Amino acid sequence: MMCRNCMVAAGVQFGWALQLSLLTPYIQVLPCVRIWSDKCSSKYGRRRPFILAGSLMISVAVTIIGFSADIGYLLGDDDEDHRNFKGT
C-alpha cells in the first residue's frame, strides 16, 4: 500500500516537472502575444486567431516530436552512430 502511494506521489512530481519545463517558453512569449491580441481587430475577435495559430503550431510540434526518429533517419541518421553509446 505504501509503495503505491509513493508511486502516485512520484508520478505527480514528474507531471509537475514536465509541465513547468514546457511552460517556460509561454512565460516569455505570453506578454508579447497579449499585446498583439489586444491590438488585433479581426472579424473573429481579438483572441480567437491567436488561439487557432497557437493550436496549429502545437499540433505541428507534437507531430514532429512523435516522428522525430523517422525524421532523423530521413535526414541521414543511421544506427551506426548509436552503437558506441554507453550512456551518461
PDB file of N, CA and C in Angstrom:
ATOM      1  N   MET A   1       0.816  -1.193   0.000  1.00  0.00           N
ATOM      2  CA  MET A   1       0.000   0.000   0.000  1.00  0.00           C
ATOM      3  C   MET A   1       0.868   1.269   0.000  1.00  0.00           C
ATOM      4  N   MET A   2       1.885   1.271   0.839  1.00  0.00           N
ATOM      5  CA  MET A   2       2.758   2.441   0.922  1.00  0.00           C
ATOM      6  C   MET A   2       3.516   2.643  -0.386  1.00  0.00           C
ATOM      7  N   CYS A   3       3.877   1.527  -1.023  1.00  0.00           N
ATOM      8  CA  CYS A   3       4.600   1.619  -2.296  1.00  0.00           C
ATOM      9  C   CYS A   3       3.730   2.275  -3.372  1.00  0.00           C
ATOM     10  N   ARG A   4       2.448   1.928  -3.394  1.00  0.00           N
ATOM     11  CA  ARG A   4       1.545   2.536  -4.371  1.00  0.00           C
ATOM     12  C   ARG A   4       1.386   4.035  -4.134  1.00  0.00           C
ATOM     13  N   ASN A   5       1.288   4.422  -2.878  1.00  0.00           N
ATOM     14  CA  ASN A   5       1.178   5.848  -2.568  1.00  0.00           C
ATOM     15  C   ASN A   5       2.419   6.606  -3.016  1.00  0.00           C
ATOM     16  N   CYS A   6       3.574   6.003  -2.813  1.00  0.00           N
ATOM     17  CA  CYS A   6       4.817   6.653  -3.237  1.00  0.00           C
ATOM     18  C   CYS A   6       4.886   6.761  -4.753  1.00  0.00           C
ATOM     19  N   MET A   7       4.405   5.732  -5.460  1.00  0.00           N
ATOM     20  CA  MET A   7       4.422   5.774  -6.915  1.00  0.00           C
ATOM     21  C   MET A   7       3.503   6.879  -7.430  1.00  0.00           C
ATOM     22  N   VAL A   8       2.359   7.055  -6.797  1.00  0.00           N
ATOM     23  CA  VAL A   8       1.438   8.128  -7.198  1.00  0.00           C
ATOM     24  C   VAL A   8       2.087   9.484  -6.949  1.00  0.00           C
ATOM     25  N   ALA A   9       2.720   9.643  -5.797  1.00  0.00           N
ATOM     26  CA  ALA A   9       3.383  10.914  -5.488  1.00  0.00           C
ATOM     27  C   ALA A   9       4.513  11.184  -6.467  1.00  0.00           C
ATOM     28  N   ALA A  10       5.270  10.159  -6.832  1.00  0.00           N
ATOM     29  CA  ALA A  10       6.355  10.327  -7.802  1.00  0.00           C
ATOM     30  C   ALA A  10       5.784  10.711  -9.169  1.00  0.00           C
ATOM     31  N   GLY A  11       4.664  10.123  -9.542  1.00  0.00           N
ATOM     32  CA  GLY A  11       4.035  10.462 -10.811  1.00  0.00           C
ATOM     33  C   GLY A  11       3.553  11.903 -10.842  1.00  0.00           C
ATOM     34  N   VAL A  12       2.998  12.358  -9.733  1.00  0.00           N
ATOM     35  CA  VAL A  12       2.539  13.749  -9.650  1.00  0.00           C
ATOM     36  C   VAL A  12       3.731  14.698  -9.759  1.00  0.00           C
ATOM     37  N   GLN A  13       4.820  14.375  -9.067  1.00  0.00           N
ATOM     38  CA  GLN A  13       6.012  15.223  -9.137  1.00  0.00           C
ATOM     39  C   GLN A  13       6.583  15.246 -10.556  1.00  0.00           C
ATOM     40  N   PHE A  14       6.593  14.088 -11.213  1.00  0.00           N
ATOM     41  CA  PHE A  14       7.065  14.028 -12.601  1.00  0.00           C
ATOM     42  C   PHE A  14       6.185  14.879 -13.506  1.00  0.00           C
ATOM     43  N   GLY A  15       4.886  14.808 -13.304  1.00  0.00           N
ATOM     44  CA  GLY A  15       3.961  15.610 -14.107  1.00  0.00           C
ATOM     45  C   GLY A  15       4.178  17.099 -13.913  1.00  0.00           C
ATOM     46  N   TRP A  16       4.370  17.527 -12.673  1.00  0.00           N
ATOM     47  CA  TRP A  16       4.636  18.944 -12.405  1.00  0.00           C
ATOM     48  C   TRP A  16       5.940  19.389 -13.042  1.00  0.00           C
ATOM     49  N   ALA A  17       6.980  18.555 -12.936  1.00  0.00           N
ATOM     50  CA  ALA A  17       8.270  18.913 -13.532  1.00  0.00           C
ATOM     51  C   ALA A  17       8.141  19.055 -15.047  1.00  0.00           C
ATOM     52  N   LEU A  18       7.419  18.137 -15.670  1.00  0.00           N
ATOM     53  CA  LEU A  18       7.223  18.200 -17.115  1.00  0.00           C
ATOM     54  C   LEU A  18       6.430  19.439 -17.503  1.00  0.00           C
ATOM     55  N   GLN A  19       5.388  19.724 -16.754  1.00  0.00           N
ATOM     56  CA  GLN A  19       4.558  20.885 -17.070  1.00  0.00           C
ATOM     57  C   GLN A  19       5.358  22.175 -16.919  1.00  0.00           C
ATOM     58  N   LEU A  20       6.131  22.283 -15.872  1.00  0.00           N
ATOM     59  CA  LEU A  20       6.895  23.508 -15.667  1.00  0.00           C
ATOM     60  C   LEU A  20       8.007  23.653 -16.693  1.00  0.00           C
ATOM     61  N   SER A  21       8.596  22.546 -17.132  1.00  0.00           N
ATOM     62  CA  SER A  21       9.647  22.651 -18.140  1.00  0.00           C
ATOM     63  C   SER A  21       9.070  23.063 -19.488  1.00  0.00           C
ATOM     64  N   LEU A  22       7.856  22.647 -19.772  1.00  0.00           N
ATOM     65  CA  LEU A  22       7.222  23.036 -21.032  1.00  0.00           C
ATOM     66  C   LEU A  22       6.571  24.412 -20.941  1.00  0.00           C
ATOM     67  N   LEU A  23       6.339  24.892 -19.738  1.00  0.00           N
ATOM     68  CA  LEU A  23       5.648  26.153 -19.546  1.00  0.00           C
ATOM     69  C   LEU A  23       6.577  27.356 -19.662  1.00  0.00           C
ATOM     70  N   THR A  24       7.873  27.159 -19.521  1.00  0.00           N
ATOM     71  CA  THR A  24       8.821  28.270 -19.528  1.00  0.00           C
ATOM     72  C   THR A  24       8.727  29.133 -20.785  1.00  0.00           C
ATOM     73  N   PRO A  25       8.649  28.562 -21.993  1.00  0.00           N
ATOM     74  CA  PRO A  25       8.526  29.440 -23.175  1.00  0.00           C
ATOM     75  C   PRO A  25       7.262  30.295 -23.156  1.00  0.00           C
ATOM     76  N   TYR A  26       6.176  29.764 -22.593  1.00  0.00           N
ATOM     77  CA  TYR A  26       4.940  30.530 -22.553  1.00  0.00           C
ATOM     78  C   TYR A  26       5.077  31.761 -21.666  1.00  0.00           C
ATOM     79  N   ILE A  27       5.832  31.623 -20.585  1.00  0.00           N
ATOM     80  CA  ILE A  27       6.033  32.754 -19.682  1.00  0.00           C
ATOM     81  C   ILE A  27       6.776  33.877 -20.393  1.00  0.00           C
ATOM     82  N   GLN A  28       7.653  33.525 -21.303  1.00  0.00           N
ATOM     83  CA  GLN A  28       8.426  34.529 -22.023  1.00  0.00           C
ATOM     84  C   GLN A  28       7.667  35.105 -23.219  1.00  0.00           C
ATOM     85  N   VAL A  29       6.786  34.332 -23.815  1.00  0.00           N
ATOM     86  CA  VAL A  29       6.102  34.749 -25.040  1.00  0.00           C
ATOM     87  C   VAL A  29       4.752  35.405 -24.753  1.00  0.00           C
ATOM     88  N   LEU A  30       4.088  35.007 -23.679  1.00  0.00           N
ATOM     89  CA  LEU A  30       2.735  35.483 -23.416  1.00  0.00           C
ATOM     90  C   LEU A  30       2.585  37.001 -23.351  1.00  0.00           C
ATOM     91  N   PRO A  31       3.494  37.744 -22.739  1.00  0.00           N
ATOM     92  CA  PRO A  31       3.287  39.205 -22.741  1.00  0.00           C
ATOM     93  C   PRO A  31       3.217  39.806 -24.144  1.00  0.00           C
ATOM     94  N   CYS A  32       4.045  39.321 -25.055  1.00  0.00           N
ATOM     95  CA  CYS A  32       4.010  39.831 -26.435  1.00  0.00           C
ATOM     96  C   CYS A  32       2.704  39.461 -27.121  1.00  0.00           C
ATOM     97  N   VAL A  33       2.261  38.218 -26.946  1.00  0.00           N
ATOM     98  CA  VAL A  33       1.016  37.774 -27.576  1.00  0.00           C
ATOM     99  C   VAL A  33      -0.167  38.545 -27.015  1.00  0.00           C
ATOM    100  N   ARG A  34      -0.146  38.830 -25.730  1.00  0.00           N
ATOM    101  CA  ARG A  34      -1.242  39.614 -25.147  1.00  0.00           C
ATOM    102  C   ARG A  34      -1.310  41.016 -25.751  1.00  0.00           C
ATOM    103  N   ILE A  35      -0.167  41.634 -25.934  1.00  0.00           N
ATOM    104  CA  ILE A  35      -0.152  42.974 -26.531  1.00  0.00           C
ATOM    105  C   ILE A  35      -0.675  42.921 -27.961  1.00  0.00           C
ATOM    106  N   TRP A  36      -0.206  41.930 -28.741  1.00  0.00           N
ATOM    107  CA  TRP A  36      -0.652  41.813 -30.137  1.00  0.00           C
ATOM    108  C   TRP A  36      -2.150  41.515 -30.205  1.00  0.00           C
ATOM    109  N   SER A  37      -2.636  40.631 -29.329  1.00  0.00           N
ATOM    110  CA  SER A  37      -4.049  40.279 -29.395  1.00  0.00           C
ATOM    111  C   SER A  37      -4.937  41.436 -28.936  1.00  0.00           C
ATOM    112  N   ASP A  38      -4.462  42.261 -28.019  1.00  0.00           N
ATOM    113  CA  ASP A  38      -5.256  43.419 -27.601  1.00  0.00           C
ATOM    114  C   ASP A  38      -5.401  44.430 -28.732  1.00  0.00           C
ATOM    115  N   LYS A  39      -4.417  44.485 -29.621  1.00  0.00           N
ATOM    116  CA  LYS A  39      -4.461  45.423 -30.748  1.00  0.00           C
ATOM    117  C   LYS A  39      -5.115  44.818 -31.993  1.00  0.00           C
ATOM    118  N   CYS A  40      -5.430  43.527 -31.945  1.00  0.00           N
ATOM    119  CA  CYS A  40      -5.997  42.829 -33.101  1.00  0.00           C
ATOM    120  C   CYS A  40      -7.460  43.243 -33.293  1.00  0.00           C
ATOM    121  N   SER A  41      -7.820  43.463 -34.541  1.00  0.00           N
ATOM    122  CA  SER A  41      -9.219  43.806 -34.848  1.00  0.00           C
ATOM    123  C   SER A  41      -9.740  42.892 -35.955  1.00  0.00           C
ATOM    124  N   SER A  42      -9.681  41.608 -35.696  1.00  0.00           N
ATOM    125  CA  SER A  42     -10.161  40.615 -36.659  1.00  0.00           C
ATOM    126  C   SER A  42     -11.676  40.457 -36.543  1.00  0.00           C
ATOM    127  N   LYS A  43     -12.289  39.990 -37.616  1.00  0.00           N
ATOM    128  CA  LYS A  43     -13.733  39.770 -37.558  1.00  0.00           C
ATOM    129  C   LYS A  43     -14.075  38.553 -36.690  1.00  0.00           C
ATOM    130  N   TYR A  44     -13.071  37.734 -36.355  1.00  0.00           N
ATOM    131  CA  TYR A  44     -13.273  36.570 -35.495  1.00  0.00           C
ATOM    132  C   TYR A  44     -13.039  36.887 -34.021  1.00  0.00           C
ATOM    133  N   GLY A  45     -12.696  38.108 -33.722  1.00  0.00           N
ATOM    134  CA  GLY A  45     -12.450  38.504 -32.340  1.00  0.00           C
ATOM    135  C   GLY A  45     -10.974  38.786 -32.119  1.00  0.00           C
ATOM    136  N   ARG A  46     -10.662  39.183 -30.904  1.00  0.00           N
ATOM    137  CA  ARG A  46      -9.270  39.525 -30.605  1.00  0.00           C
ATOM    138  C   ARG A  46      -8.433  38.295 -30.282  1.00  0.00           C
ATOM    139  N   ARG A  47      -8.992  37.314 -29.628  1.00  0.00           N
ATOM    140  CA  ARG A  47      -8.213  36.183 -29.135  1.00  0.00           C
ATOM    141  C   ARG A  47      -8.266  34.951 -30.037  1.00  0.00           C
ATOM    142  N   ARG A  48      -9.363  34.744 -30.719  1.00  0.00           N
ATOM    143  CA  ARG A  48      -9.540  33.506 -31.490  1.00  0.00           C
ATOM    144  C   ARG A  48      -8.465  33.260 -32.545  1.00  0.00           C
ATOM    145  N   PRO A  49      -8.009  34.256 -33.302  1.00  0.00           N
ATOM    146  CA  PRO A  49      -6.937  33.971 -34.270  1.00  0.00           C
ATOM    147  C   PRO A  49      -5.646  33.497 -33.595  1.00  0.00           C
ATOM    148  N   PHE A  50      -5.354  34.028 -32.432  1.00  0.00           N
ATOM    149  CA  PHE A  50      -4.143  33.625 -31.722  1.00  0.00           C
ATOM    150  C   PHE A  50      -4.295  32.234 -31.115  1.00  0.00           C
ATOM    151  N   ILE A  51      -5.486  31.909 -30.646  1.00  0.00           N
ATOM    152  CA  ILE A  51      -5.740  30.561 -30.131  1.00  0.00           C
ATOM    153  C   ILE A  51      -5.615  29.548 -31.257  1.00  0.00           C
ATOM    154  N   LEU A  52      -6.167  29.854 -32.422  1.00  0.00           N
ATOM    155  CA  LEU A  52      -6.075  28.953 -33.566  1.00  0.00           C
ATOM    156  C   LEU A  52      -4.624  28.777 -34.019  1.00  0.00           C
ATOM    157  N   ALA A  53      -3.891  29.869 -34.136  1.00  0.00           N
ATOM    158  CA  ALA A  53      -2.486  29.775 -34.568  1.00  0.00           C
ATOM    159  C   ALA A  53      -1.660  28.994 -33.556  1.00  0.00           C
ATOM    160  N   GLY A  54      -1.871  29.240 -32.279  1.00  0.00           N
ATOM    161  CA  GLY A  54      -1.143  28.507 -31.247  1.00  0.00           C
ATOM    162  C   GLY A  54      -1.477  27.030 -31.263  1.00  0.00           C
ATOM    163  N   SER A  55      -2.744  26.702 -31.465  1.00  0.00           N
ATOM    164  CA  SER A  55      -3.159  25.294 -31.528  1.00  0.00           C
ATOM    165  C   SER A  55      -2.513  24.585 -32.709  1.00  0.00           C
ATOM    166  N   LEU A  56      -2.476  25.248 -33.851  1.00  0.00           N
ATOM    167  CA  LEU A  56      -1.856  24.648 -35.034  1.00  0.00           C
ATOM    168  C   LEU A  56      -0.354  24.449 -34.835  1.00  0.00           C
ATOM    169  N   MET A  57       0.312  25.438 -34.235  1.00  0.00           N
ATOM    170  CA  MET A  57       1.759  25.302 -34.000  1.00  0.00           C
ATOM    171  C   MET A  57       2.062  24.178 -33.016  1.00  0.00           C
ATOM    172  N   ILE A  58       1.252  24.054 -31.972  1.00  0.00           N
ATOM    173  CA  ILE A  58       1.455  22.975 -31.011  1.00  0.00           C
ATOM    174  C   ILE A  58       1.193  21.623 -31.661  1.00  0.00           C
ATOM    175  N   SER A  59       0.176  21.534 -32.506  1.00  0.00           N
ATOM    176  CA  SER A  59      -0.112  20.278 -33.197  1.00  0.00           C
ATOM    177  C   SER A  59       1.042  19.858 -34.098  1.00  0.00           C
ATOM    178  N   VAL A  60       1.607  20.814 -34.828  1.00  0.00           N
ATOM    179  CA  VAL A  60       2.752  20.514 -35.690  1.00  0.00           C
ATOM    180  C   VAL A  60       3.957  20.093 -34.855  1.00  0.00           C
ATOM    181  N   ALA A  61       4.205  20.797 -33.756  1.00  0.00           N
ATOM    182  CA  ALA A  61       5.350  20.469 -32.904  1.00  0.00           C
ATOM    183  C   ALA A  61       5.213  19.073 -32.292  1.00  0.00           C
ATOM    184  N   VAL A  62       4.022  18.721 -31.821  1.00  0.00           N
ATOM    185  CA  VAL A  62       3.813  17.395 -31.234  1.00  0.00           C
ATOM    186  C   VAL A  62       3.961  16.309 -32.297  1.00  0.00           C
ATOM    187  N   THR A  63       3.493  16.572 -33.503  1.00  0.00           N
ATOM    188  CA  THR A  63       3.661  15.611 -34.593  1.00  0.00           C
ATOM    189  C   THR A  63       5.134  15.422 -34.927  1.00  0.00           C
ATOM    190  N   ILE A  64       5.888  16.503 -34.985  1.00  0.00           N
ATOM    191  CA  ILE A  64       7.329  16.406 -35.259  1.00  0.00           C
ATOM    192  C   ILE A  64       8.037  15.629 -34.158  1.00  0.00           C
ATOM    193  N   ILE A  65       7.673  15.885 -32.904  1.00  0.00           N
ATOM    194  CA  ILE A  65       8.285  15.149 -31.799  1.00  0.00           C
ATOM    195  C   ILE A  65       7.957  13.667 -31.915  1.00  0.00           C
ATOM    196  N   GLY A  66       6.729  13.348 -32.270  1.00  0.00           N
ATOM    197  CA  GLY A  66       6.328  11.943 -32.401  1.00  0.00           C
ATOM    198  C   GLY A  66       7.067  11.209 -33.508  1.00  0.00           C
ATOM    199  N   PHE A  67       7.380  11.896 -34.579  1.00  0.00           N
ATOM    200  CA  PHE A  67       8.072  11.274 -35.697  1.00  0.00           C
ATOM    201  C   PHE A  67       9.545  11.664 -35.767  1.00  0.00           C
ATOM    202  N   SER A  68      10.124  12.092 -34.655  1.00  0.00           N
ATOM    203  CA  SER A  68      11.498  12.589 -34.676  1.00  0.00           C
ATOM    204  C   SER A  68      12.503  11.517 -35.088  1.00  0.00           C
ATOM    205  N   ALA A  69      12.293  10.269 -34.675  1.00  0.00           N
ATOM    206  CA  ALA A  69      13.216   9.210 -35.082  1.00  0.00           C
ATOM    207  C   ALA A  69      13.150   8.984 -36.591  1.00  0.00           C
ATOM    208  N   ASP A  70      11.946   8.991 -37.147  1.00  0.00           N
ATOM    209  CA  ASP A  70      11.792   8.814 -38.591  1.00  0.00           C
ATOM    210  C   ASP A  70      12.373   9.998 -39.363  1.00  0.00           C
ATOM    211  N   ILE A  71      12.155  11.197 -38.845  1.00  0.00           N
ATOM    212  CA  ILE A  71      12.702  12.385 -39.499  1.00  0.00           C
ATOM    213  C   ILE A  71      14.221  12.353 -39.459  1.00  0.00           C
ATOM    214  N   GLY A  72      14.786  11.951 -38.318  1.00  0.00           N
ATOM    215  CA  GLY A  72      16.240  11.817 -38.214  1.00  0.00           C
ATOM    216  C   GLY A  72      16.782  10.806 -39.202  1.00  0.00           C
ATOM    217  N   TYR A  73      16.072   9.692 -39.362  1.00  0.00           N
ATOM    218  CA  TYR A  73      16.500   8.669 -40.318  1.00  0.00           C
ATOM    219  C   TYR A  73      16.454   9.217 -41.748  1.00  0.00           C
ATOM    220  N   LEU A  74      15.405   9.962 -42.076  1.00  0.00           N
ATOM    221  CA  LEU A  74      15.295  10.542 -43.418  1.00  0.00           C
ATOM    222  C   LEU A  74      16.374  11.590 -43.680  1.00  0.00           C
ATOM    223  N   LEU A  75      16.835  12.252 -42.625  1.00  0.00           N
ATOM    224  CA  LEU A  75      17.869  13.269 -42.778  1.00  0.00           C
ATOM    225  C   LEU A  75      19.286  12.693 -42.738  1.00  0.00           C
ATOM    226  N   GLY A  76      19.399  11.364 -42.649  1.00  0.00           N
ATOM    227  CA  GLY A  76      20.711  10.754 -42.739  1.00  0.00           C
ATOM    228  C   GLY A  76      21.204  10.082 -41.478  1.00  0.00           C
ATOM    229  N   ASP A  77      20.440  10.073 -40.428  1.00  0.00           N
ATOM    230  CA  ASP A  77      20.839   9.397 -39.205  1.00  0.00           C
ATOM    231  C   ASP A  77      20.698   7.894 -39.416  1.00  0.00           C
ATOM    232  N   ASP A  78      21.680   7.132 -38.941  1.00  0.00           N
ATOM    233  CA  ASP A  78      21.585   5.683 -39.055  1.00  0.00           C
ATOM    234  C   ASP A  78      21.982   5.038 -37.736  1.00  0.00           C
ATOM    235  N   ASP A  79      21.790   3.724 -37.653  1.00  0.00           N
ATOM    236  CA  ASP A  79      22.048   3.013 -36.410  1.00  0.00           C
ATOM    237  C   ASP A  79      23.523   2.948 -36.060  1.00  0.00           C
ATOM    238  N   GLU A  80      24.405   3.115 -37.021  1.00  0.00           N
ATOM    239  CA  GLU A  80      25.830   3.026 -36.743  1.00  0.00           C
ATOM    240  C   GLU A  80      26.301   4.138 -35.819  1.00  0.00           C
ATOM    241  N   ASP A  81      25.638   5.270 -35.837  1.00  0.00           N
ATOM    242  CA  ASP A  81      26.024   6.389 -34.970  1.00  0.00           C
ATOM    243  C   ASP A  81      25.734   6.104 -33.502  1.00  0.00           C
ATOM    244  N   HIS A  82      24.868   5.150 -33.211  1.00  0.00           N
ATOM    245  CA  HIS A  82      24.434   4.914 -31.842  1.00  0.00           C
ATOM    246  C   HIS A  82      25.004   3.632 -31.243  1.00  0.00           C
ATOM    247  N   ARG A  83      25.798   2.897 -31.951  1.00  0.00           N
ATOM    248  CA  ARG A  83      26.309   1.623 -31.427  1.00  0.00           C
ATOM    249  C   ARG A  83      27.309   1.793 -30.314  1.00  0.00           C
ATOM    250  N   ASN A  84      28.051   2.888 -30.301  1.00  0.00           N
ATOM    251  CA  ASN A  84      29.080   3.091 -29.282  1.00  0.00           C
ATOM    252  C   ASN A  84      28.583   3.894 -28.093  1.00  0.00           C
ATOM    253  N   PHE A  85      27.306   4.200 -28.043  1.00  0.00           N
ATOM    254  CA  PHE A  85      26.756   4.992 -26.937  1.00  0.00           C
ATOM    255  C   PHE A  85      26.702   4.141 -25.677  1.00  0.00           C
ATOM    256  N   LYS A  86      27.278   4.661 -24.598  1.00  0.00           N
ATOM    257  CA  LYS A  86      27.331   3.908 -23.342  1.00  0.00           C
ATOM    258  C   LYS A  86      26.515   4.558 -22.250  1.00  0.00           C
ATOM    259  N   GLY A  87      25.832   5.618 -22.545  1.00  0.00           N
ATOM    260  CA  GLY A  87      25.016   6.298 -21.536  1.00  0.00           C
ATOM    261  C   GLY A  87      25.823   7.302 -20.749  1.00  0.00           C
ATOM    262  N   THR A  88      25.119   8.054 -19.933  1.00  0.00           N
ATOM    263  CA  THR A  88      25.811   9.071 -19.127  1.00  0.00           C
ATOM    264  C   THR A  88      25.728   8.751 -17.667  1.00  0.00           C
TER     265      THR A  88
END
